[in-house]
Amino acid sequence: MVIDKQFYQREKLASIDQMAVGITHELKNPLSVIKGCSYLLKHTVEIEDIENDSGEEIIEIINEIDNNIESSQNIIYNLLDFSRKADKEKELINAVGLCLDSFYYLIHPP
């Protein structure tokens, strides 16, 4: 009984970690592309030396995009960090109960 609970808990944590890694991978790629495009747009506006109102407005929009990219990246890294910490959490176990359960399953196989 105790072994089953521990096994299922570890399997669940491993699944969460695997899912988090997949999600973060899928989200990081498009964010990197958006970040690169944002940089190029900002650089282009600066090179073109657009100083009228539209140039300033474009820079403000690009800065807003950059802020949201950074916020999204922080969420992604926090998700990864959480899943990895959850997977590495240590817990005390009842060694006597674990041994008794093991002996029980040896004597009474499922």
PDB file of N, CA and C in Angstrom:
ATOM      1  N   MET A   1       0.817  -1.192   0.000  1.00  0.00           N
ATOM      2  CA  MET A   1       0.000   0.000   0.000  1.00  0.00           C
ATOM      3  C   MET A   1       0.867   1.266   0.000  1.00  0.00           C
ATOM      4  N   VAL A   2       1.804   1.346   0.934  1.00  0.00           N
ATOM      5  CA  VAL A   2       2.682   2.513   1.008  1.00  0.00           C
ATOM      6  C   VAL A   2       3.532   2.596  -0.249  1.00  0.00           C
ATOM      7  N   ILE A   3       4.013   1.447  -0.705  1.00  0.00           N
ATOM      8  CA  ILE A   3       4.850   1.409  -1.907  1.00  0.00           C
ATOM      9  C   ILE A   3       4.058   1.919  -3.107  1.00  0.00           C
ATOM     10  N   ASP A   4       2.815   1.469  -3.225  1.00  0.00           N
ATOM     11  CA  ASP A   4       1.977   1.897  -4.343  1.00  0.00           C
ATOM     12  C   ASP A   4       1.783   3.412  -4.348  1.00  0.00           C
ATOM     13  N   LYS A   5       1.488   3.980  -3.182  1.00  0.00           N
ATOM     14  CA  LYS A   5       1.283   5.432  -3.100  1.00  0.00           C
ATOM     15  C   LYS A   5       2.546   6.183  -3.494  1.00  0.00           C
ATOM     16  N   GLN A   6       3.690   5.720  -2.980  1.00  0.00           N
ATOM     17  CA  GLN A   6       4.955   6.386  -3.296  1.00  0.00           C
ATOM     18  C   GLN A   6       5.271   6.257  -4.783  1.00  0.00           C
ATOM     19  N   PHE A   7       5.017   5.087  -5.338  1.00  0.00           N
ATOM     20  CA  PHE A   7       5.283   4.864  -6.755  1.00  0.00           C
ATOM     21  C   PHE A   7       4.421   5.788  -7.613  1.00  0.00           C
ATOM     22  N   TYR A   8       3.137   5.841  -7.313  1.00  0.00           N
ATOM     23  CA  TYR A   8       2.236   6.686  -8.095  1.00  0.00           C
ATOM     24  C   TYR A   8       2.575   8.165  -7.936  1.00  0.00           C
ATOM     25  N   GLN A   9       2.979   8.556  -6.721  1.00  0.00           N
ATOM     26  CA  GLN A   9       3.361   9.953  -6.496  1.00  0.00           C
ATOM     27  C   GLN A   9       4.596  10.302  -7.322  1.00  0.00           C
ATOM     28  N   ARG A  10       5.579   9.416  -7.347  1.00  0.00           N
ATOM     29  CA  ARG A  10       6.791   9.667  -8.137  1.00  0.00           C
ATOM     30  C   ARG A  10       6.475   9.691  -9.635  1.00  0.00           C
ATOM     31  N   GLU A  11       5.610   8.807 -10.061  1.00  0.00           N
ATOM     32  CA  GLU A  11       5.210   8.791 -11.470  1.00  0.00           C
ATOM     33  C   GLU A  11       4.490  10.088 -11.844  1.00  0.00           C
ATOM     34  N   LYS A  12       3.635  10.558 -10.949  1.00  0.00           N
ATOM     35  CA  LYS A  12       2.908  11.794 -11.207  1.00  0.00           C
ATOM     36  C   LYS A  12       3.878  12.977 -11.304  1.00  0.00           C
ATOM     37  N   LEU A  13       4.854  13.041 -10.393  1.00  0.00           N
ATOM     38  CA  LEU A  13       5.840  14.121 -10.428  1.00  0.00           C
ATOM     39  C   LEU A  13       6.691  14.049 -11.689  1.00  0.00           C
ATOM     40  N   ALA A  14       7.052  12.844 -12.095  1.00  0.00           N
ATOM     41  CA  ALA A  14       7.837  12.691 -13.325  1.00  0.00           C
ATOM     42  C   ALA A  14       7.020  13.142 -14.534  1.00  0.00           C
ATOM     43  N   SER A  15       5.731  12.840 -14.541  1.00  0.00           N
ATOM     44  CA  SER A  15       4.865  13.269 -15.642  1.00  0.00           C
ATOM     45  C   SER A  15       4.731  14.785 -15.682  1.00  0.00           C
ATOM     46  N   ILE A  16       4.600  15.395 -14.511  1.00  0.00           N
ATOM     47  CA  ILE A  16       4.507  16.857 -14.444  1.00  0.00           C
ATOM     48  C   ILE A  16       5.784  17.483 -14.972  1.00  0.00           C
ATOM     49  N   ASP A  17       6.927  16.940 -14.570  1.00  0.00           N
ATOM     50  CA  ASP A  17       8.214  17.464 -15.035  1.00  0.00           C
ATOM     51  C   ASP A  17       8.336  17.333 -16.548  1.00  0.00           C
ATOM     52  N   GLN A  18       7.968  16.177 -17.058  1.00  0.00           N
ATOM     53  CA  GLN A  18       8.058  15.939 -18.501  1.00  0.00           C
ATOM     54  C   GLN A  18       7.123  16.884 -19.268  1.00  0.00           C
ATOM     55  N   MET A  19       5.926  17.088 -18.746  1.00  0.00           N
ATOM     56  CA  MET A  19       4.975  17.987 -19.388  1.00  0.00           C
ATOM     57  C   MET A  19       5.492  19.429 -19.348  1.00  0.00           C
ATOM     58  N   ALA A  20       6.043  19.838 -18.212  1.00  0.00           N
ATOM     59  CA  ALA A  20       6.572  21.202 -18.079  1.00  0.00           C
ATOM     60  C   ALA A  20       7.720  21.440 -19.050  1.00  0.00           C
ATOM     61  N   VAL A  21       8.588  20.455 -19.205  1.00  0.00           N
ATOM     62  CA  VAL A  21       9.708  20.591 -20.143  1.00  0.00           C
ATOM     63  C   VAL A  21       9.179  20.742 -21.566  1.00  0.00           C
ATOM     64  N   GLY A  22       8.185  19.949 -21.925  1.00  0.00           N
ATOM     65  CA  GLY A  22       7.601  20.039 -23.266  1.00  0.00           C
ATOM     66  C   GLY A  22       6.936  21.380 -23.519  1.00  0.00           C
ATOM     67  N   ILE A  23       6.172  21.844 -22.544  1.00  0.00           N
ATOM     68  CA  ILE A  23       5.482  23.131 -22.686  1.00  0.00           C
ATOM     69  C   ILE A  23       6.489  24.261 -22.815  1.00  0.00           C
ATOM     70  N   THR A  24       7.488  24.255 -21.942  1.00  0.00           N
ATOM     71  CA  THR A  24       8.471  25.343 -21.989  1.00  0.00           C
ATOM     72  C   THR A  24       9.246  25.343 -23.295  1.00  0.00           C
ATOM     73  N   HIS A  25       9.558  24.163 -23.798  1.00  0.00           N
ATOM     74  CA  HIS A  25      10.270  24.087 -25.078  1.00  0.00           C
ATOM     75  C   HIS A  25       9.418  24.684 -26.194  1.00  0.00           C
ATOM     76  N   GLU A  26       8.143  24.324 -26.215  1.00  0.00           N
ATOM     77  CA  GLU A  26       7.247  24.813 -27.263  1.00  0.00           C
ATOM     78  C   GLU A  26       7.000  26.320 -27.160  1.00  0.00           C
ATOM     79  N   LEU A  27       7.057  26.874 -25.961  1.00  0.00           N
ATOM     80  CA  LEU A  27       6.824  28.307 -25.789  1.00  0.00           C
ATOM     81  C   LEU A  27       8.084  29.144 -25.978  1.00  0.00           C
ATOM     82  N   LYS A  28       9.228  28.581 -25.630  1.00  0.00           N
ATOM     83  CA  LYS A  28      10.476  29.350 -25.732  1.00  0.00           C
ATOM     84  C   LYS A  28      10.831  29.667 -27.181  1.00  0.00           C
ATOM     85  N   ASN A  29      10.585  28.749 -28.079  1.00  0.00           N
ATOM     86  CA  ASN A  29      10.943  28.980 -29.485  1.00  0.00           C
ATOM     87  C   ASN A  29      10.207  30.173 -30.097  1.00  0.00           C
ATOM     88  N   PRO A  30       8.879  30.238 -30.024  1.00  0.00           N
ATOM     89  CA  PRO A  30       8.205  31.406 -30.600  1.00  0.00           C
ATOM     90  C   PRO A  30       8.575  32.704 -29.884  1.00  0.00           C
ATOM     91  N   LEU A  31       8.785  32.645 -28.578  1.00  0.00           N
ATOM     92  CA  LEU A  31       9.179  33.855 -27.857  1.00  0.00           C
ATOM     93  C   LEU A  31      10.542  34.352 -28.325  1.00  0.00           C
ATOM     94  N   SER A  32      11.439  33.434 -28.620  1.00  0.00           N
ATOM     95  CA  SER A  32      12.757  33.833 -29.131  1.00  0.00           C
ATOM     96  C   SER A  32      12.634  34.521 -30.485  1.00  0.00           C
ATOM     97  N   VAL A  33      11.759  34.003 -31.330  1.00  0.00           N
ATOM     98  CA  VAL A  33      11.541  34.621 -32.644  1.00  0.00           C
ATOM     99  C   VAL A  33      10.952  36.023 -32.470  1.00  0.00           C
ATOM    100  N   ILE A  34       9.951  36.145 -31.607  1.00  0.00           N
ATOM    101  CA  ILE A  34       9.328  37.451 -31.363  1.00  0.00           C
ATOM    102  C   ILE A  34      10.359  38.428 -30.804  1.00  0.00           C
ATOM    103  N   LYS A  35      11.179  37.951 -29.881  1.00  0.00           N
ATOM    104  CA  LYS A  35      12.209  38.812 -29.293  1.00  0.00           C
ATOM    105  C   LYS A  35      13.205  39.279 -30.357  1.00  0.00           C
ATOM    106  N   GLY A  36      13.602  38.377 -31.238  1.00  0.00           N
ATOM    107  CA  GLY A  36      14.519  38.739 -32.319  1.00  0.00           C
ATOM    108  C   GLY A  36      13.908  39.759 -33.269  1.00  0.00           C
ATOM    109  N   CYS A  37      12.655  39.545 -33.631  1.00  0.00           N
ATOM    110  CA  CYS A  37      11.965  40.495 -34.521  1.00  0.00           C
ATOM    111  C   CYS A  37      11.805  41.854 -33.847  1.00  0.00           C
ATOM    112  N   SER A  38      11.502  41.840 -32.576  1.00  0.00           N
ATOM    113  CA  SER A  38      11.370  43.084 -31.824  1.00  0.00           C
ATOM    114  C   SER A  38      12.685  43.859 -31.830  1.00  0.00           C
ATOM    115  N   TYR A  39      13.770  43.143 -31.617  1.00  0.00           N
ATOM    116  CA  TYR A  39      15.096  43.784 -31.638  1.00  0.00           C
ATOM    117  C   TYR A  39      15.371  44.401 -33.012  1.00  0.00           C
ATOM    118  N   LEU A  40      15.082  43.642 -34.067  1.00  0.00           N
ATOM    119  CA  LEU A  40      15.323  44.152 -35.423  1.00  0.00           C
ATOM    120  C   LEU A  40      14.478  45.391 -35.722  1.00  0.00           C
ATOM    121  N   LEU A  41      13.215  45.369 -35.312  1.00  0.00           N
ATOM    122  CA  LEU A  41      12.350  46.538 -35.517  1.00  0.00           C
ATOM    123  C   LEU A  41      12.892  47.764 -34.789  1.00  0.00           C
ATOM    124  N   LYS A  42      13.263  47.561 -33.540  1.00  0.00           N
ATOM    125  CA  LYS A  42      13.785  48.679 -32.750  1.00  0.00           C
ATOM    126  C   LYS A  42      15.070  49.221 -33.374  1.00  0.00           C
ATOM    127  N   HIS A  43      15.931  48.313 -33.778  1.00  0.00           N
ATOM    128  CA  HIS A  43      17.203  48.700 -34.403  1.00  0.00           C
ATOM    129  C   HIS A  43      16.951  49.456 -35.717  1.00  0.00           C
ATOM    130  N   THR A  44      15.988  48.990 -36.491  1.00  0.00           N
ATOM    131  CA  THR A  44      15.651  49.644 -37.760  1.00  0.00           C
ATOM    132  C   THR A  44      15.128  51.058 -37.527  1.00  0.00           C
ATOM    133  N   VAL A  45      14.244  51.209 -36.548  1.00  0.00           N
ATOM    134  CA  VAL A  45      13.703  52.532 -36.232  1.00  0.00           C
ATOM    135  C   VAL A  45      14.831  53.464 -35.799  1.00  0.00           C
ATOM    136  N   GLU A  46      15.762  52.942 -35.008  1.00  0.00           N
ATOM    137  CA  GLU A  46      16.885  53.774 -34.552  1.00  0.00           C
ATOM    138  C   GLU A  46      17.816  54.136 -35.709  1.00  0.00           C
ATOM    139  N   ILE A  47      18.077  53.191 -36.602  1.00  0.00           N
ATOM    140  CA  ILE A  47      18.955  53.457 -37.751  1.00  0.00           C
ATOM    141  C   ILE A  47      18.312  54.477 -38.687  1.00  0.00           C
ATOM    142  N   GLU A  48      17.021  54.313 -38.921  1.00  0.00           N
ATOM    143  CA  GLU A  48      16.307  55.232 -39.812  1.00  0.00           C
ATOM    144  C   GLU A  48      16.171  56.612 -39.174  1.00  0.00           C
ATOM    145  N   ASP A  49      16.497  56.679 -37.890  1.00  0.00           N
ATOM    146  CA  ASP A  49      16.456  57.939 -37.155  1.00  0.00           C
ATOM    147  C   ASP A  49      15.081  58.598 -37.262  1.00  0.00           C
ATOM    148  N   ILE A  50      14.069  57.771 -37.026  1.00  0.00           N
ATOM    149  CA  ILE A  50      12.698  58.275 -37.066  1.00  0.00           C
ATOM    150  C   ILE A  50      12.443  59.014 -35.760  1.00  0.00           C
ATOM    151  N   GLU A  51      12.335  60.311 -35.856  1.00  0.00           N
ATOM    152  CA  GLU A  51      12.172  61.112 -34.646  1.00  0.00           C
ATOM    153  C   GLU A  51      10.790  61.734 -34.535  1.00  0.00           C
ATOM    154  N   ASN A  52       9.950  61.496 -35.487  1.00  0.00           N
ATOM    155  CA  ASN A  52       8.607  62.068 -35.385  1.00  0.00           C
ATOM    156  C   ASN A  52       7.768  61.244 -34.408  1.00  0.00           C
ATOM    157  N   ASP A  53       6.514  61.604 -34.263  1.00  0.00           N
ATOM    158  CA  ASP A  53       5.642  60.922 -33.309  1.00  0.00           C
ATOM    159  C   ASP A  53       5.489  59.437 -33.602  1.00  0.00           C
ATOM    160  N   SER A  54       5.444  59.070 -34.864  1.00  0.00           N
ATOM    161  CA  SER A  54       5.254  57.654 -35.189  1.00  0.00           C
ATOM    162  C   SER A  54       6.472  56.831 -34.765  1.00  0.00           C
ATOM    163  N   GLY A  55       7.665  57.385 -34.870  1.00  0.00           N
ATOM    164  CA  GLY A  55       8.866  56.667 -34.436  1.00  0.00           C
ATOM    165  C   GLY A  55       8.861  56.417 -32.941  1.00  0.00           C
ATOM    166  N   GLU A  56       8.475  57.429 -32.182  1.00  0.00           N
ATOM    167  CA  GLU A  56       8.390  57.277 -30.727  1.00  0.00           C
ATOM    168  C   GLU A  56       7.313  56.272 -30.346  1.00  0.00           C
ATOM    169  N   GLU A  57       6.206  56.322 -31.068  1.00  0.00           N
ATOM    170  CA  GLU A  57       5.107  55.390 -30.805  1.00  0.00           C
ATOM    171  C   GLU A  57       5.536  53.956 -31.104  1.00  0.00           C
ATOM    172  N   ILE A  58       6.273  53.781 -32.183  1.00  0.00           N
ATOM    173  CA  ILE A  58       6.763  52.443 -32.538  1.00  0.00           C
ATOM    174  C   ILE A  58       7.693  51.926 -31.446  1.00  0.00           C
ATOM    175  N   ILE A  59       8.599  52.761 -30.959  1.00  0.00           N
ATOM    176  CA  ILE A  59       9.525  52.361 -29.894  1.00  0.00           C
ATOM    177  C   ILE A  59       8.754  51.983 -28.629  1.00  0.00           C
ATOM    178  N   GLU A  60       7.714  52.733 -28.287  1.00  0.00           N
ATOM    179  CA  GLU A  60       6.891  52.410 -27.116  1.00  0.00           C
ATOM    180  C   GLU A  60       6.228  51.046 -27.277  1.00  0.00           C
ATOM    181  N   ILE A  61       5.712  50.783 -28.464  1.00  0.00           N
ATOM    182  CA  ILE A  61       5.066  49.492 -28.731  1.00  0.00           C
ATOM    183  C   ILE A  61       6.090  48.364 -28.632  1.00  0.00           C
ATOM    184  N   ILE A  62       7.256  48.576 -29.196  1.00  0.00           N
ATOM    185  CA  ILE A  62       8.315  47.561 -29.134  1.00  0.00           C
ATOM    186  C   ILE A  62       8.727  47.311 -27.685  1.00  0.00           C
ATOM    187  N   ASN A  63       8.847  48.367 -26.896  1.00  0.00           N
ATOM    188  CA  ASN A  63       9.190  48.204 -25.478  1.00  0.00           C
ATOM    189  C   ASN A  63       8.121  47.410 -24.737  1.00  0.00           C
ATOM    190  N   GLU A  64       6.859  47.640 -25.085  1.00  0.00           N
ATOM    191  CA  GLU A  64       5.759  46.878 -24.477  1.00  0.00           C
ATOM    192  C   GLU A  64       5.856  45.398 -24.863  1.00  0.00           C
ATOM    193  N   ILE A  65       6.174  45.143 -26.110  1.00  0.00           N
ATOM    194  CA  ILE A  65       6.374  43.760 -26.567  1.00  0.00           C
ATOM    195  C   ILE A  65       7.510  43.119 -25.777  1.00  0.00           C
ATOM    196  N   ASP A  66       8.632  43.836 -25.646  1.00  0.00           N
ATOM    197  CA  ASP A  66       9.786  43.304 -24.910  1.00  0.00           C
ATOM    198  C   ASP A  66       9.441  43.003 -23.453  1.00  0.00           C
ATOM    199  N   ASN A  67       8.688  43.893 -22.819  1.00  0.00           N
ATOM    200  CA  ASN A  67       8.282  43.668 -21.422  1.00  0.00           C
ATOM    201  C   ASN A  67       7.422  42.414 -21.287  1.00  0.00           C
ATOM    202  N   ASN A  68       6.520  42.218 -22.233  1.00  0.00           N
ATOM    203  CA  ASN A  68       5.655  41.037 -22.179  1.00  0.00           C
ATOM    204  C   ASN A  68       6.413  39.758 -22.504  1.00  0.00           C
ATOM    205  N   ILE A  69       7.396  39.847 -23.369  1.00  0.00           N
ATOM    206  CA  ILE A  69       8.251  38.686 -23.645  1.00  0.00           C
ATOM    207  C   ILE A  69       8.987  38.288 -22.374  1.00  0.00           C
ATOM    208  N   GLU A  70       9.557  39.273 -21.699  1.00  0.00           N
ATOM    209  CA  GLU A  70      10.297  38.996 -20.462  1.00  0.00           C
ATOM    210  C   GLU A  70       9.386  38.383 -19.403  1.00  0.00           C
ATOM    211  N   SER A  71       8.185  38.915 -19.286  1.00  0.00           N
ATOM    212  CA  SER A  71       7.215  38.375 -18.331  1.00  0.00           C
ATOM    213  C   SER A  71       6.873  36.923 -18.665  1.00  0.00           C
ATOM    214  N   SER A  72       6.665  36.637 -19.938  1.00  0.00           N
ATOM    215  CA  SER A  72       6.351  35.270 -20.375  1.00  0.00           C
ATOM    216  C   SER A  72       7.521  34.331 -20.115  1.00  0.00           C
ATOM    217  N   GLN A  73       8.732  34.804 -20.369  1.00  0.00           N
ATOM    218  CA  GLN A  73       9.909  33.979 -20.110  1.00  0.00           C
ATOM    219  C   GLN A  73      10.053  33.679 -18.620  1.00  0.00           C
ATOM    220  N   ASN A  74       9.752  34.652 -17.773  1.00  0.00           N
ATOM    221  CA  ASN A  74       9.802  34.411 -16.327  1.00  0.00           C
ATOM    222  C   ASN A  74       8.795  33.350 -15.906  1.00  0.00           C
ATOM    223  N   ILE A  75       7.611  33.389 -16.482  1.00  0.00           N
ATOM    224  CA  ILE A  75       6.597  32.370 -16.183  1.00  0.00           C
ATOM    225  C   ILE A  75       7.110  30.994 -16.598  1.00  0.00           C
ATOM    226  N   ILE A  76       7.712  30.912 -17.760  1.00  0.00           N
ATOM    227  CA  ILE A  76       8.242  29.643 -18.259  1.00  0.00           C
ATOM    228  C   ILE A  76       9.328  29.114 -17.328  1.00  0.00           C
ATOM    229  N   TYR A  77      10.267  29.979 -16.946  1.00  0.00           N
ATOM    230  CA  TYR A  77      11.354  29.534 -16.067  1.00  0.00           C
ATOM    231  C   TYR A  77      10.832  29.138 -14.690  1.00  0.00           C
ATOM    232  N   ASN A  78       9.820  29.852 -14.193  1.00  0.00           N
ATOM    233  CA  ASN A  78       9.224  29.477 -12.910  1.00  0.00           C
ATOM    234  C   ASN A  78       8.534  28.121 -12.994  1.00  0.00           C
ATOM    235  N   LEU A  79       7.873  27.856 -14.099  1.00  0.00           N
ATOM    236  CA  LEU A  79       7.230  26.555 -14.300  1.00  0.00           C
ATOM    237  C   LEU A  79       8.265  25.439 -14.291  1.00  0.00           C
ATOM    238  N   LEU A  80       9.352  25.638 -15.014  1.00  0.00           N
ATOM    239  CA  LEU A  80      10.424  24.641 -15.030  1.00  0.00           C
ATOM    240  C   LEU A  80      11.024  24.463 -13.646  1.00  0.00           C
ATOM    241  N   ASP A  81      11.289  25.561 -12.977  1.00  0.00           N
ATOM    242  CA  ASP A  81      11.886  25.513 -11.647  1.00  0.00           C
ATOM    243  C   ASP A  81      10.974  24.773 -10.678  1.00  0.00           C
ATOM    244  N   PHE A  82       9.677  25.062 -10.740  1.00  0.00           N
ATOM    245  CA  PHE A  82       8.712  24.400  -9.863  1.00  0.00           C
ATOM    246  C   PHE A  82       8.676  22.900 -10.116  1.00  0.00           C
ATOM    247  N   SER A  83       8.635  22.509 -11.376  1.00  0.00           N
ATOM    248  CA  SER A  83       8.533  21.078 -11.689  1.00  0.00           C
ATOM    249  C   SER A  83       9.797  20.343 -11.268  1.00  0.00           C
ATOM    250  N   ARG A  84      10.939  20.966 -11.409  1.00  0.00           N
ATOM    251  CA  ARG A  84      12.193  20.308 -11.020  1.00  0.00           C
ATOM    252  C   ARG A  84      12.339  20.224  -9.509  1.00  0.00           C
ATOM    253  N   LYS A  85      11.882  21.248  -8.797  1.00  0.00           N
ATOM    254  CA  LYS A  85      11.929  21.194  -7.336  1.00  0.00           C
ATOM    255  C   LYS A  85      10.983  20.124  -6.816  1.00  0.00           C
ATOM    256  N   ALA A  86       9.808  20.038  -7.418  1.00  0.00           N
ATOM    257  CA  ALA A  86       8.825  19.044  -6.982  1.00  0.00           C
ATOM    258  C   ALA A  86       9.365  17.642  -7.188  1.00  0.00           C
ATOM    259  N   ASP A  87      10.122  17.453  -8.255  1.00  0.00           N
ATOM    260  CA  ASP A  87      10.673  16.137  -8.552  1.00  0.00           C
ATOM    261  C   ASP A  87      11.795  15.769  -7.587  1.00  0.00           C
ATOM    262  N   LYS A  88      12.486  16.767  -7.037  1.00  0.00           N
ATOM    263  CA  LYS A  88      13.633  16.500  -6.182  1.00  0.00           C
ATOM    264  C   LYS A  88      13.314  16.588  -4.698  1.00  0.00           C
ATOM    265  N   GLU A  89      12.067  16.854  -4.355  1.00  0.00           N
ATOM    266  CA  GLU A  89      11.721  16.951  -2.944  1.00  0.00           C
ATOM    267  C   GLU A  89      11.955  15.616  -2.267  1.00  0.00           C
ATOM    268  N   LYS A  90      12.544  15.694  -1.103  1.00  0.00           N
ATOM    269  CA  LYS A  90      12.794  14.481  -0.328  1.00  0.00           C
ATOM    270  C   LYS A  90      11.750  14.404   0.767  1.00  0.00           C
ATOM    271  N   GLU A  91      11.415  13.193   1.108  1.00  0.00           N
ATOM    272  CA  GLU A  91      10.453  13.008   2.175  1.00  0.00           C
ATOM    273  C   GLU A  91      10.883  11.832   3.027  1.00  0.00           C
ATOM    274  N   LEU A  92      10.532  11.906   4.278  1.00  0.00           N
ATOM    275  CA  LEU A  92      10.816  10.801   5.180  1.00  0.00           C
ATOM    276  C   LEU A  92       9.836   9.676   4.894  1.00  0.00           C
ATOM    277  N   ILE A  93      10.340   8.475   4.972  1.00  0.00           N
ATOM    278  CA  ILE A  93       9.459   7.325   4.773  1.00  0.00           C
ATOM    279  C   ILE A  93       9.502   6.456   6.018  1.00  0.00           C
ATOM    280  N   ASN A  94       8.487   5.703   6.172  1.00  0.00           N
ATOM    281  CA  ASN A  94       8.404   4.754   7.270  1.00  0.00           C
ATOM    282  C   ASN A  94       9.070   3.468   6.796  1.00  0.00           C
ATOM    283  N   ALA A  95      10.324   3.269   7.190  1.00  0.00           N
ATOM    284  CA  ALA A  95      11.088   2.115   6.721  1.00  0.00           C
ATOM    285  C   ALA A  95      10.459   0.803   7.182  1.00  0.00           C
ATOM    286  N   VAL A  96       9.943   0.789   8.397  1.00  0.00           N
ATOM    287  CA  VAL A  96       9.319  -0.434   8.912  1.00  0.00           C
ATOM    288  C   VAL A  96       8.091  -0.770   8.073  1.00  0.00           C
ATOM    289  N   GLY A  97       7.258   0.229   7.823  1.00  0.00           N
ATOM    290  CA  GLY A  97       6.067   0.011   7.004  1.00  0.00           C
ATOM    291  C   GLY A  97       6.422  -0.425   5.597  1.00  0.00           C
ATOM    292  N   LEU A  98       7.465   0.165   5.048  1.00  0.00           N
ATOM    293  CA  LEU A  98       7.925  -0.198   3.712  1.00  0.00           C
ATOM    294  C   LEU A  98       8.368  -1.658   3.672  1.00  0.00           C
ATOM    295  N   CYS A  99       9.121  -2.074   4.692  1.00  0.00           N
ATOM    296  CA  CYS A  99       9.574  -3.472   4.759  1.00  0.00           C
ATOM    297  C   CYS A  99       8.392  -4.425   4.935  1.00  0.00           C
ATOM    298  N   LEU A 100       7.465  -4.047   5.810  1.00  0.00           N
ATOM    299  CA  LEU A 100       6.294  -4.907   6.025  1.00  0.00           C
ATOM    300  C   LEU A 100       5.471  -5.051   4.752  1.00  0.00           C
ATOM    301  N   ASP A 101       5.273  -3.935   4.044  1.00  0.00           N
ATOM    302  CA  ASP A 101       4.545  -3.999   2.776  1.00  0.00           C
ATOM    303  C   ASP A 101       5.285  -4.872   1.767  1.00  0.00           C
ATOM    304  N   SER A 102       6.601  -4.757   1.728  1.00  0.00           N
ATOM    305  CA  SER A 102       7.402  -5.565   0.799  1.00  0.00           C
ATOM    306  C   SER A 102       7.260  -7.043   1.114  1.00  0.00           C
ATOM    307  N   PHE A 103       7.359  -7.382   2.402  1.00  0.00           N
ATOM    308  CA  PHE A 103       7.205  -8.785   2.790  1.00  0.00           C
ATOM    309  C   PHE A 103       5.803  -9.293   2.472  1.00  0.00           C
ATOM    310  N   TYR A 104       4.804  -8.439   2.686  1.00  0.00           N
ATOM    311  CA  TYR A 104       3.435  -8.829   2.397  1.00  0.00           C
ATOM    312  C   TYR A 104       3.296  -9.191   0.916  1.00  0.00           C
ATOM    313  N   TYR A 105       3.867  -8.354   0.036  1.00  0.00           N
ATOM    314  CA  TYR A 105       3.767  -8.616  -1.399  1.00  0.00           C
ATOM    315  C   TYR A 105       4.588  -9.832  -1.815  1.00  0.00           C
ATOM    316  N   LEU A 106       5.642 -10.140  -1.069  1.00  0.00           N
ATOM    317  CA  LEU A 106       6.406 -11.356  -1.364  1.00  0.00           C
ATOM    318  C   LEU A 106       5.598 -12.598  -1.014  1.00  0.00           C
ATOM    319  N   ILE A 107       4.885 -12.521   0.096  1.00  0.00           N
ATOM    320  CA  ILE A 107       4.089 -13.666   0.550  1.00  0.00           C
ATOM    321  C   ILE A 107       2.774 -13.762  -0.214  1.00  0.00           C
ATOM    322  N   HIS A 108       2.165 -12.619  -0.493  1.00  0.00           N
ATOM    323  CA  HIS A 108       0.867 -12.560  -1.186  1.00  0.00           C
ATOM    324  C   HIS A 108       1.014 -11.742  -2.465  1.00  0.00           C
ATOM    325  N   PRO A 109       1.562 -12.322  -3.513  1.00  0.00           N
ATOM    326  CA  PRO A 109       1.734 -11.555  -4.761  1.00  0.00           C
ATOM    327  C   PRO A 109       0.380 -11.084  -5.299  1.00  0.00           C
ATOM    328  N   PRO A 110       0.368  -9.921  -5.949  1.00  0.00           N
ATOM    329  CA  PRO A 110      -0.903  -9.394  -6.483  1.00  0.00           C
ATOM    330  C   PRO A 110      -1.466 -10.242  -7.596  1.00  0.00           C
TER     331      PRO A 110
END
